[in-house]
Amino acid sequence: EKVRANAKVTPEEFNRINDTITKHEREVADGMKKHREAVV
């Protein structure tokens, strides 16, 4: 919501938000890898 609202955040909060989103996206990509690579 903060990201979508383009809310002003401190540099520390920006880094925390960035780390959280990056970690989540990595986990999703890792979780999907075997399904994307499966041959049908």
ModelCIF file with pLDDT and N, C-alpha, C, O atoms, coordinates in Angstrom:
data_MODEL
#
_entry.id   MODEL 
#
_entity.id                         1 
_entity.type                       polymer 
_entity.pdbx_number_of_molecules   1 
#
_entity_poly.entity_id                      1 
_entity_poly.type                           'polypeptide(L)' 
_entity_poly.nstd_linkage                   no 
_entity_poly.nstd_monomer                   no 
_entity_poly.pdbx_seq_one_letter_code       EKVRANAKVTPEEFNRINDTITKHEREVADGMKKHREAVV 
_entity_poly.pdbx_seq_one_letter_code_can   EKVRANAKVTPEEFNRINDTITKHEREVADGMKKHREAVV 
_entity_poly.pdbx_strand_id                 A 
#
loop_
_entity_poly_seq.entity_id 
_entity_poly_seq.num 
_entity_poly_seq.mon_id 
_entity_poly_seq.hetero 
1 1  GLU n 
1 2  LYS n 
1 3  VAL n 
1 4  ARG n 
1 5  ALA n 
1 6  ASN n 
1 7  ALA n 
1 8  LYS n 
1 9  VAL n 
1 10 THR n 
1 11 PRO n 
1 12 GLU n 
1 13 GLU n 
1 14 PHE n 
1 15 ASN n 
1 16 ARG n 
1 17 ILE n 
1 18 ASN n 
1 19 ASP n 
1 20 THR n 
1 21 ILE n 
1 22 THR n 
1 23 LYS n 
1 24 HIS n 
1 25 GLU n 
1 26 ARG n 
1 27 GLU n 
1 28 VAL n 
1 29 ALA n 
1 30 ASP n 
1 31 GLY n 
1 32 MET n 
1 33 LYS n 
1 34 LYS n 
1 35 HIS n 
1 36 ARG n 
1 37 GLU n 
1 38 ALA n 
1 39 VAL n 
1 40 VAL n 
#
_struct_asym.id          A 
_struct_asym.entity_id   1 
#
loop_
_ma_qa_metric.id 
_ma_qa_metric.mode 
_ma_qa_metric.name 
_ma_qa_metric.software_group_id 
_ma_qa_metric.type 
1 global pLDDT . pLDDT 
2 local  pLDDT . pLDDT 
#
_ma_qa_metric_global.metric_id      1 
_ma_qa_metric_global.metric_value   93.20 
_ma_qa_metric_global.model_id       1 
_ma_qa_metric_global.ordinal_id     1 
#
loop_
_ma_qa_metric_local.label_asym_id 
_ma_qa_metric_local.label_comp_id 
_ma_qa_metric_local.label_seq_id 
_ma_qa_metric_local.metric_id 
_ma_qa_metric_local.metric_value 
_ma_qa_metric_local.model_id 
_ma_qa_metric_local.ordinal_id 
A GLU 1  2 91.00 1 1  
A LYS 2  2 88.00 1 2  
A VAL 3  2 90.00 1 3  
A ARG 4  2 90.00 1 4  
A ALA 5  2 92.00 1 5  
A ASN 6  2 87.00 1 6  
A ALA 7  2 86.00 1 7  
A LYS 8  2 90.00 1 8  
A VAL 9  2 88.00 1 9  
A THR 10 2 91.00 1 10 
A PRO 11 2 92.00 1 11 
A GLU 12 2 94.00 1 12 
A GLU 13 2 91.00 1 13 
A PHE 14 2 92.00 1 14 
A ASN 15 2 93.00 1 15 
A ARG 16 2 92.00 1 16 
A ILE 17 2 92.00 1 17 
A ASN 18 2 93.00 1 18 
A ASP 19 2 95.00 1 19 
A THR 20 2 94.00 1 20 
A ILE 21 2 94.00 1 21 
A THR 22 2 95.00 1 22 
A LYS 23 2 95.00 1 23 
A HIS 24 2 96.00 1 24 
A GLU 25 2 95.00 1 25 
A ARG 26 2 96.00 1 26 
A GLU 27 2 96.00 1 27 
A VAL 28 2 95.00 1 28 
A ALA 29 2 95.00 1 29 
A ASP 30 2 95.00 1 30 
A GLY 31 2 94.00 1 31 
A MET 32 2 96.00 1 32 
A LYS 33 2 96.00 1 33 
A LYS 34 2 95.00 1 34 
A HIS 35 2 94.00 1 35 
A ARG 36 2 96.00 1 36 
A GLU 37 2 96.00 1 37 
A ALA 38 2 96.00 1 38 
A VAL 39 2 96.00 1 39 
A VAL 40 2 96.00 1 40 
#
loop_
_atom_site.group_PDB 
_atom_site.id 
_atom_site.type_symbol 
_atom_site.label_atom_id 
_atom_site.label_alt_id 
_atom_site.label_comp_id 
_atom_site.label_asym_id 
_atom_site.label_entity_id 
_atom_site.label_seq_id 
_atom_site.pdbx_PDB_ins_code 
_atom_site.Cartn_x 
_atom_site.Cartn_y 
_atom_site.Cartn_z 
_atom_site.occupancy 
_atom_site.B_iso_or_equiv 
_atom_site.pdbx_formal_charge 
_atom_site.auth_seq_id 
_atom_site.auth_comp_id 
_atom_site.auth_asym_id 
_atom_site.auth_atom_id 
_atom_site.pdbx_PDB_model_num 
ATOM 1   N N  . GLU A 1 1  ? 0.839  -1.204  0.000   1.00 91.00 ? 1  GLU A N  1 
ATOM 2   C CA . GLU A 1 1  ? 0.000  0.000   0.000   1.00 91.00 ? 1  GLU A CA 1 
ATOM 3   C C  . GLU A 1 1  ? 0.872  1.251   0.000   1.00 91.00 ? 1  GLU A C  1 
ATOM 4   O O  . GLU A 1 1  ? 0.587  2.214   -0.712  1.00 91.00 ? 1  GLU A O  1 
ATOM 5   N N  . LYS A 1 2  ? 1.934  1.231   0.802   1.00 88.00 ? 2  LYS A N  1 
ATOM 6   C CA . LYS A 1 2  ? 2.860  2.373   0.827   1.00 88.00 ? 2  LYS A CA 1 
ATOM 7   C C  . LYS A 1 2  ? 3.505  2.567   -0.541  1.00 88.00 ? 2  LYS A C  1 
ATOM 8   O O  . LYS A 1 2  ? 3.648  3.692   -1.020  1.00 88.00 ? 2  LYS A O  1 
ATOM 9   N N  . VAL A 1 3  ? 3.885  1.475   -1.148  1.00 90.00 ? 3  VAL A N  1 
ATOM 10  C CA . VAL A 1 3  ? 4.518  1.550   -2.465  1.00 90.00 ? 3  VAL A CA 1 
ATOM 11  C C  . VAL A 1 3  ? 3.530  2.109   -3.488  1.00 90.00 ? 3  VAL A C  1 
ATOM 12  O O  . VAL A 1 3  ? 3.862  3.023   -4.243  1.00 90.00 ? 3  VAL A O  1 
ATOM 13  N N  . ARG A 1 4  ? 2.313  1.557   -3.510  1.00 90.00 ? 4  ARG A N  1 
ATOM 14  C CA . ARG A 1 4  ? 1.299  2.021   -4.465  1.00 90.00 ? 4  ARG A CA 1 
ATOM 15  C C  . ARG A 1 4  ? 0.934  3.487   -4.241  1.00 90.00 ? 4  ARG A C  1 
ATOM 16  O O  . ARG A 1 4  ? 0.666  4.212   -5.199  1.00 90.00 ? 4  ARG A O  1 
ATOM 17  N N  . ALA A 1 5  ? 0.923  3.920   -2.998  1.00 92.00 ? 5  ALA A N  1 
ATOM 18  C CA . ALA A 1 5  ? 0.577  5.308   -2.674  1.00 92.00 ? 5  ALA A CA 1 
ATOM 19  C C  . ALA A 1 5  ? 1.760  6.247   -2.887  1.00 92.00 ? 5  ALA A C  1 
ATOM 20  O O  . ALA A 1 5  ? 1.631  7.466   -2.768  1.00 92.00 ? 5  ALA A O  1 
ATOM 21  N N  . ASN A 1 6  ? 2.912  5.661   -3.204  1.00 87.00 ? 6  ASN A N  1 
ATOM 22  C CA . ASN A 1 6  ? 4.129  6.452   -3.387  1.00 87.00 ? 6  ASN A CA 1 
ATOM 23  C C  . ASN A 1 6  ? 4.404  7.299   -2.141  1.00 87.00 ? 6  ASN A C  1 
ATOM 24  O O  . ASN A 1 6  ? 4.783  8.467   -2.226  1.00 87.00 ? 6  ASN A O  1 
ATOM 25  N N  . ALA A 1 7  ? 4.199  6.669   -0.990  1.00 86.00 ? 7  ALA A N  1 
ATOM 26  C CA . ALA A 1 7  ? 4.364  7.349   0.296   1.00 86.00 ? 7  ALA A CA 1 
ATOM 27  C C  . ALA A 1 7  ? 5.822  7.700   0.547   1.00 86.00 ? 7  ALA A C  1 
ATOM 28  O O  . ALA A 1 7  ? 6.736  6.984   0.138   1.00 86.00 ? 7  ALA A O  1 
ATOM 29  N N  . LYS A 1 8  ? 6.012  8.814   1.225   1.00 90.00 ? 8  LYS A N  1 
ATOM 30  C CA . LYS A 1 8  ? 7.373  9.209   1.607   1.00 90.00 ? 8  LYS A CA 1 
ATOM 31  C C  . LYS A 1 8  ? 7.826  8.328   2.756   1.00 90.00 ? 8  LYS A C  1 
ATOM 32  O O  . LYS A 1 8  ? 7.110  8.141   3.740   1.00 90.00 ? 8  LYS A O  1 
ATOM 33  N N  . VAL A 1 9  ? 9.026  7.794   2.612   1.00 88.00 ? 9  VAL A N  1 
ATOM 34  C CA . VAL A 1 9  ? 9.598  6.919   3.641   1.00 88.00 ? 9  VAL A CA 1 
ATOM 35  C C  . VAL A 1 9  ? 11.040 7.327   3.892   1.00 88.00 ? 9  VAL A C  1 
ATOM 36  O O  . VAL A 1 9  ? 11.680 7.963   3.055   1.00 88.00 ? 9  VAL A O  1 
ATOM 37  N N  . THR A 1 10 ? 11.529 6.952   5.047   1.00 91.00 ? 10 THR A N  1 
ATOM 38  C CA . THR A 1 10 ? 12.935 7.227   5.372   1.00 91.00 ? 10 THR A CA 1 
ATOM 39  C C  . THR A 1 10 ? 13.812 6.293   4.556   1.00 91.00 ? 10 THR A C  1 
ATOM 40  O O  . THR A 1 10 ? 13.328 5.278   4.056   1.00 91.00 ? 10 THR A O  1 
ATOM 41  N N  . PRO A 1 11 ? 15.088 6.615   4.412   1.00 92.00 ? 11 PRO A N  1 
ATOM 42  C CA . PRO A 1 11 ? 15.990 5.712   3.690   1.00 92.00 ? 11 PRO A CA 1 
ATOM 43  C C  . PRO A 1 11 ? 16.036 4.315   4.319   1.00 92.00 ? 11 PRO A C  1 
ATOM 44  O O  . PRO A 1 11 ? 16.119 3.312   3.609   1.00 92.00 ? 11 PRO A O  1 
ATOM 45  N N  . GLU A 1 12 ? 15.983 4.257   5.639   1.00 94.00 ? 12 GLU A N  1 
ATOM 46  C CA . GLU A 1 12 ? 16.013 2.948   6.309   1.00 94.00 ? 12 GLU A CA 1 
ATOM 47  C C  . GLU A 1 12 ? 14.753 2.150   5.981   1.00 94.00 ? 12 GLU A C  1 
ATOM 48  O O  . GLU A 1 12 ? 14.813 0.954   5.698   1.00 94.00 ? 12 GLU A O  1 
ATOM 49  N N  . GLU A 1 13 ? 13.610 2.841   6.025   1.00 91.00 ? 13 GLU A N  1 
ATOM 50  C CA . GLU A 1 13 ? 12.349 2.163   5.707   1.00 91.00 ? 13 GLU A CA 1 
ATOM 51  C C  . GLU A 1 13 ? 12.325 1.738   4.237   1.00 91.00 ? 13 GLU A C  1 
ATOM 52  O O  . GLU A 1 13 ? 11.823 0.665   3.903   1.00 91.00 ? 13 GLU A O  1 
ATOM 53  N N  . PHE A 1 14 ? 12.870 2.585   3.364   1.00 92.00 ? 14 PHE A N  1 
ATOM 54  C CA . PHE A 1 14 ? 12.958 2.236   1.947   1.00 92.00 ? 14 PHE A CA 1 
ATOM 55  C C  . PHE A 1 14 ? 13.762 0.954   1.774   1.00 92.00 ? 14 PHE A C  1 
ATOM 56  O O  . PHE A 1 14 ? 13.352 0.057   1.037   1.00 92.00 ? 14 PHE A O  1 
ATOM 57  N N  . ASN A 1 15 ? 14.902 0.863   2.447   1.00 93.00 ? 15 ASN A N  1 
ATOM 58  C CA . ASN A 1 15 ? 15.742 -0.334  2.345   1.00 93.00 ? 15 ASN A CA 1 
ATOM 59  C C  . ASN A 1 15 ? 15.011 -1.572  2.870   1.00 93.00 ? 15 ASN A C  1 
ATOM 60  O O  . ASN A 1 15 ? 15.104 -2.649  2.282   1.00 93.00 ? 15 ASN A O  1 
ATOM 61  N N  . ARG A 1 16 ? 14.282 -1.414  3.979   1.00 92.00 ? 16 ARG A N  1 
ATOM 62  C CA . ARG A 1 16 ? 13.531 -2.531  4.541   1.00 92.00 ? 16 ARG A CA 1 
ATOM 63  C C  . ARG A 1 16 ? 12.427 -2.985  3.572   1.00 92.00 ? 16 ARG A C  1 
ATOM 64  O O  . ARG A 1 16 ? 12.230 -4.182  3.360   1.00 92.00 ? 16 ARG A O  1 
ATOM 65  N N  . ILE A 1 17 ? 11.720 -2.020  2.994   1.00 92.00 ? 17 ILE A N  1 
ATOM 66  C CA . ILE A 1 17 ? 10.668 -2.339  2.022   1.00 92.00 ? 17 ILE A CA 1 
ATOM 67  C C  . ILE A 1 17 ? 11.268 -3.044  0.816   1.00 92.00 ? 17 ILE A C  1 
ATOM 68  O O  . ILE A 1 17 ? 10.754 -4.064  0.356   1.00 92.00 ? 17 ILE A O  1 
ATOM 69  N N  . ASN A 1 18 ? 12.348 -2.493  0.318   1.00 93.00 ? 18 ASN A N  1 
ATOM 70  C CA . ASN A 1 18 ? 13.012 -3.082  -0.855  1.00 93.00 ? 18 ASN A CA 1 
ATOM 71  C C  . ASN A 1 18 ? 13.476 -4.508  -0.560  1.00 93.00 ? 18 ASN A C  1 
ATOM 72  O O  . ASN A 1 18 ? 13.279 -5.406  -1.378  1.00 93.00 ? 18 ASN A O  1 
ATOM 73  N N  . ASP A 1 19 ? 14.087 -4.716  0.597   1.00 95.00 ? 19 ASP A N  1 
ATOM 74  C CA . ASP A 1 19 ? 14.556 -6.054  0.978   1.00 95.00 ? 19 ASP A CA 1 
ATOM 75  C C  . ASP A 1 19 ? 13.395 -7.037  1.105   1.00 95.00 ? 19 ASP A C  1 
ATOM 76  O O  . ASP A 1 19 ? 13.500 -8.184  0.670   1.00 95.00 ? 19 ASP A O  1 
ATOM 77  N N  . THR A 1 20 ? 12.292 -6.592  1.699   1.00 94.00 ? 20 THR A N  1 
ATOM 78  C CA . THR A 1 20 ? 11.130 -7.456  1.887   1.00 94.00 ? 20 THR A CA 1 
ATOM 79  C C  . THR A 1 20 ? 10.538 -7.870  0.540   1.00 94.00 ? 20 THR A C  1 
ATOM 80  O O  . THR A 1 20 ? 10.241 -9.044  0.323   1.00 94.00 ? 20 THR A O  1 
ATOM 81  N N  . ILE A 1 21 ? 10.370 -6.914  -0.349  1.00 94.00 ? 21 ILE A N  1 
ATOM 82  C CA . ILE A 1 21 ? 9.799  -7.211  -1.664  1.00 94.00 ? 21 ILE A CA 1 
ATOM 83  C C  . ILE A 1 21 ? 10.736 -8.111  -2.462  1.00 94.00 ? 21 ILE A C  1 
ATOM 84  O O  . ILE A 1 21 ? 10.290 -9.075  -3.084  1.00 94.00 ? 21 ILE A O  1 
ATOM 85  N N  . THR A 1 22 ? 12.023 -7.804  -2.447  1.00 95.00 ? 22 THR A N  1 
ATOM 86  C CA . THR A 1 22 ? 12.997 -8.608  -3.181  1.00 95.00 ? 22 THR A CA 1 
ATOM 87  C C  . THR A 1 22 ? 13.018 -10.043 -2.670  1.00 95.00 ? 22 THR A C  1 
ATOM 88  O O  . THR A 1 22 ? 13.035 -10.985 -3.462  1.00 95.00 ? 22 THR A O  1 
ATOM 89  N N  . LYS A 1 23 ? 13.015 -10.213 -1.354  1.00 95.00 ? 23 LYS A N  1 
ATOM 90  C CA . LYS A 1 23 ? 13.016 -11.549 -0.763  1.00 95.00 ? 23 LYS A CA 1 
ATOM 91  C C  . LYS A 1 23 ? 11.761 -12.315 -1.162  1.00 95.00 ? 23 LYS A C  1 
ATOM 92  O O  . LYS A 1 23 ? 11.833 -13.489 -1.523  1.00 95.00 ? 23 LYS A O  1 
ATOM 93  N N  . HIS A 1 24 ? 10.618 -11.652 -1.096  1.00 96.00 ? 24 HIS A N  1 
ATOM 94  C CA . HIS A 1 24 ? 9.353  -12.301 -1.456  1.00 96.00 ? 24 HIS A CA 1 
ATOM 95  C C  . HIS A 1 24 ? 9.350  -12.716 -2.927  1.00 96.00 ? 24 HIS A C  1 
ATOM 96  O O  . HIS A 1 24 ? 8.941  -13.830 -3.252  1.00 96.00 ? 24 HIS A O  1 
ATOM 97  N N  . GLU A 1 25 ? 9.793  -11.848 -3.799  1.00 95.00 ? 25 GLU A N  1 
ATOM 98  C CA . GLU A 1 25 ? 9.834  -12.165 -5.232  1.00 95.00 ? 25 GLU A CA 1 
ATOM 99  C C  . GLU A 1 25 ? 10.785 -13.335 -5.505  1.00 95.00 ? 25 GLU A C  1 
ATOM 100 O O  . GLU A 1 25 ? 10.493 -14.186 -6.345  1.00 95.00 ? 25 GLU A O  1 
ATOM 101 N N  . ARG A 1 26 ? 11.908 -13.377 -4.807  1.00 96.00 ? 26 ARG A N  1 
ATOM 102 C CA . ARG A 1 26 ? 12.864 -14.476 -4.958  1.00 96.00 ? 26 ARG A CA 1 
ATOM 103 C C  . ARG A 1 26 ? 12.237 -15.793 -4.507  1.00 96.00 ? 26 ARG A C  1 
ATOM 104 O O  . ARG A 1 26 ? 12.395 -16.823 -5.162  1.00 96.00 ? 26 ARG A O  1 
ATOM 105 N N  . GLU A 1 27 ? 11.521 -15.748 -3.377  1.00 96.00 ? 27 GLU A N  1 
ATOM 106 C CA . GLU A 1 27 ? 10.863 -16.954 -2.873  1.00 96.00 ? 27 GLU A CA 1 
ATOM 107 C C  . GLU A 1 27 ? 9.790  -17.453 -3.845  1.00 96.00 ? 27 GLU A C  1 
ATOM 108 O O  . GLU A 1 27 ? 9.646  -18.657 -4.056  1.00 96.00 ? 27 GLU A O  1 
ATOM 109 N N  . VAL A 1 28 ? 9.047  -16.527 -4.428  1.00 95.00 ? 28 VAL A N  1 
ATOM 110 C CA . VAL A 1 28 ? 8.030  -16.914 -5.419  1.00 95.00 ? 28 VAL A CA 1 
ATOM 111 C C  . VAL A 1 28 ? 8.713  -17.537 -6.631  1.00 95.00 ? 28 VAL A C  1 
ATOM 112 O O  . VAL A 1 28 ? 8.282  -18.586 -7.110  1.00 95.00 ? 28 VAL A O  1 
ATOM 113 N N  . ALA A 1 29 ? 9.765  -16.908 -7.130  1.00 95.00 ? 29 ALA A N  1 
ATOM 114 C CA . ALA A 1 29 ? 10.483 -17.440 -8.289  1.00 95.00 ? 29 ALA A CA 1 
ATOM 115 C C  . ALA A 1 29 ? 11.054 -18.826 -7.990  1.00 95.00 ? 29 ALA A C  1 
ATOM 116 O O  . ALA A 1 29 ? 10.962 -19.728 -8.822  1.00 95.00 ? 29 ALA A O  1 
ATOM 117 N N  . ASP A 1 30 ? 11.643 -18.995 -6.810  1.00 95.00 ? 30 ASP A N  1 
ATOM 118 C CA . ASP A 1 30 ? 12.184 -20.301 -6.425  1.00 95.00 ? 30 ASP A CA 1 
ATOM 119 C C  . ASP A 1 30 ? 11.080 -21.347 -6.325  1.00 95.00 ? 30 ASP A C  1 
ATOM 120 O O  . ASP A 1 30 ? 11.252 -22.486 -6.759  1.00 95.00 ? 30 ASP A O  1 
ATOM 121 N N  . GLY A 1 31 ? 9.945  -20.952 -5.747  1.00 94.00 ? 31 GLY A N  1 
ATOM 122 C CA . GLY A 1 31 ? 8.830  -21.873 -5.599  1.00 94.00 ? 31 GLY A CA 1 
ATOM 123 C C  . GLY A 1 31 ? 8.194  -22.258 -6.926  1.00 94.00 ? 31 GLY A C  1 
ATOM 124 O O  . GLY A 1 31 ? 7.619  -23.340 -7.042  1.00 94.00 ? 31 GLY A O  1 
ATOM 125 N N  . MET A 1 32 ? 8.286  -21.399 -7.916  1.00 96.00 ? 32 MET A N  1 
ATOM 126 C CA . MET A 1 32 ? 7.676  -21.660 -9.220  1.00 96.00 ? 32 MET A CA 1 
ATOM 127 C C  . MET A 1 32 ? 8.612  -22.338 -10.210 1.00 96.00 ? 32 MET A C  1 
ATOM 128 O O  . MET A 1 32 ? 8.163  -22.863 -11.230 1.00 96.00 ? 32 MET A O  1 
ATOM 129 N N  . LYS A 1 33 ? 9.903  -22.332 -9.919  1.00 96.00 ? 33 LYS A N  1 
ATOM 130 C CA . LYS A 1 33 ? 10.881 -22.799 -10.900 1.00 96.00 ? 33 LYS A CA 1 
ATOM 131 C C  . LYS A 1 33 ? 10.574 -24.192 -11.435 1.00 96.00 ? 33 LYS A C  1 
ATOM 132 O O  . LYS A 1 33 ? 10.526 -24.385 -12.649 1.00 96.00 ? 33 LYS A O  1 
ATOM 133 N N  . LYS A 1 34 ? 10.364 -25.164 -10.553 1.00 95.00 ? 34 LYS A N  1 
ATOM 134 C CA . LYS A 1 34 ? 10.153 -26.532 -11.044 1.00 95.00 ? 34 LYS A CA 1 
ATOM 135 C C  . LYS A 1 34 ? 8.852  -26.640 -11.838 1.00 95.00 ? 34 LYS A C  1 
ATOM 136 O O  . LYS A 1 34 ? 8.755  -27.460 -12.751 1.00 95.00 ? 34 LYS A O  1 
ATOM 137 N N  . HIS A 1 35 ? 7.863  -25.833 -11.506 1.00 94.00 ? 35 HIS A N  1 
ATOM 138 C CA . HIS A 1 35 ? 6.607  -25.866 -12.244 1.00 94.00 ? 35 HIS A CA 1 
ATOM 139 C C  . HIS A 1 35 ? 6.750  -25.212 -13.619 1.00 94.00 ? 35 HIS A C  1 
ATOM 140 O O  . HIS A 1 35 ? 6.171  -25.689 -14.594 1.00 94.00 ? 35 HIS A O  1 
ATOM 141 N N  . ARG A 1 36 ? 7.511  -24.134 -13.700 1.00 96.00 ? 36 ARG A N  1 
ATOM 142 C CA . ARG A 1 36 ? 7.741  -23.476 -14.991 1.00 96.00 ? 36 ARG A CA 1 
ATOM 143 C C  . ARG A 1 36 ? 8.564  -24.366 -15.933 1.00 96.00 ? 36 ARG A C  1 
ATOM 144 O O  . ARG A 1 36 ? 8.339  -24.389 -17.143 1.00 96.00 ? 36 ARG A O  1 
ATOM 145 N N  . GLU A 1 37 ? 9.512  -25.088 -15.351 1.00 96.00 ? 37 GLU A N  1 
ATOM 146 C CA . GLU A 1 37 ? 10.415 -25.919 -16.147 1.00 96.00 ? 37 GLU A CA 1 
ATOM 147 C C  . GLU A 1 37 ? 9.816  -27.279 -16.515 1.00 96.00 ? 37 GLU A C  1 
ATOM 148 O O  . GLU A 1 37 ? 10.339 -27.967 -17.392 1.00 96.00 ? 37 GLU A O  1 
ATOM 149 N N  . ALA A 1 38 ? 8.727  -27.668 -15.856 1.00 96.00 ? 38 ALA A N  1 
ATOM 150 C CA . ALA A 1 38 ? 8.107  -28.967 -16.136 1.00 96.00 ? 38 ALA A CA 1 
ATOM 151 C C  . ALA A 1 38 ? 7.679  -29.022 -17.598 1.00 96.00 ? 38 ALA A C  1 
ATOM 152 O O  . ALA A 1 38 ? 7.157  -28.051 -18.146 1.00 96.00 ? 38 ALA A O  1 
ATOM 153 N N  . VAL A 1 39 ? 7.909  -30.177 -18.217 1.00 96.00 ? 39 VAL A N  1 
ATOM 154 C CA . VAL A 1 39 ? 7.564  -30.360 -19.621 1.00 96.00 ? 39 VAL A CA 1 
ATOM 155 C C  . VAL A 1 39 ? 6.170  -30.978 -19.722 1.00 96.00 ? 39 VAL A C  1 
ATOM 156 O O  . VAL A 1 39 ? 5.848  -31.941 -19.027 1.00 96.00 ? 39 VAL A O  1 
ATOM 157 N N  . VAL A 1 40 ? 5.360  -30.406 -20.597 1.00 96.00 ? 40 VAL A N  1 
ATOM 158 C CA . VAL A 1 40 ? 4.010  -30.900 -20.835 1.00 96.00 ? 40 VAL A CA 1 
ATOM 159 C C  . VAL A 1 40 ? 3.833  -31.170 -22.329 1.00 96.00 ? 40 VAL A C  1 
ATOM 160 O O  . VAL A 1 40 ? 2.760  -31.597 -22.756 1.00 96.00 ? 40 VAL A O  1 
#
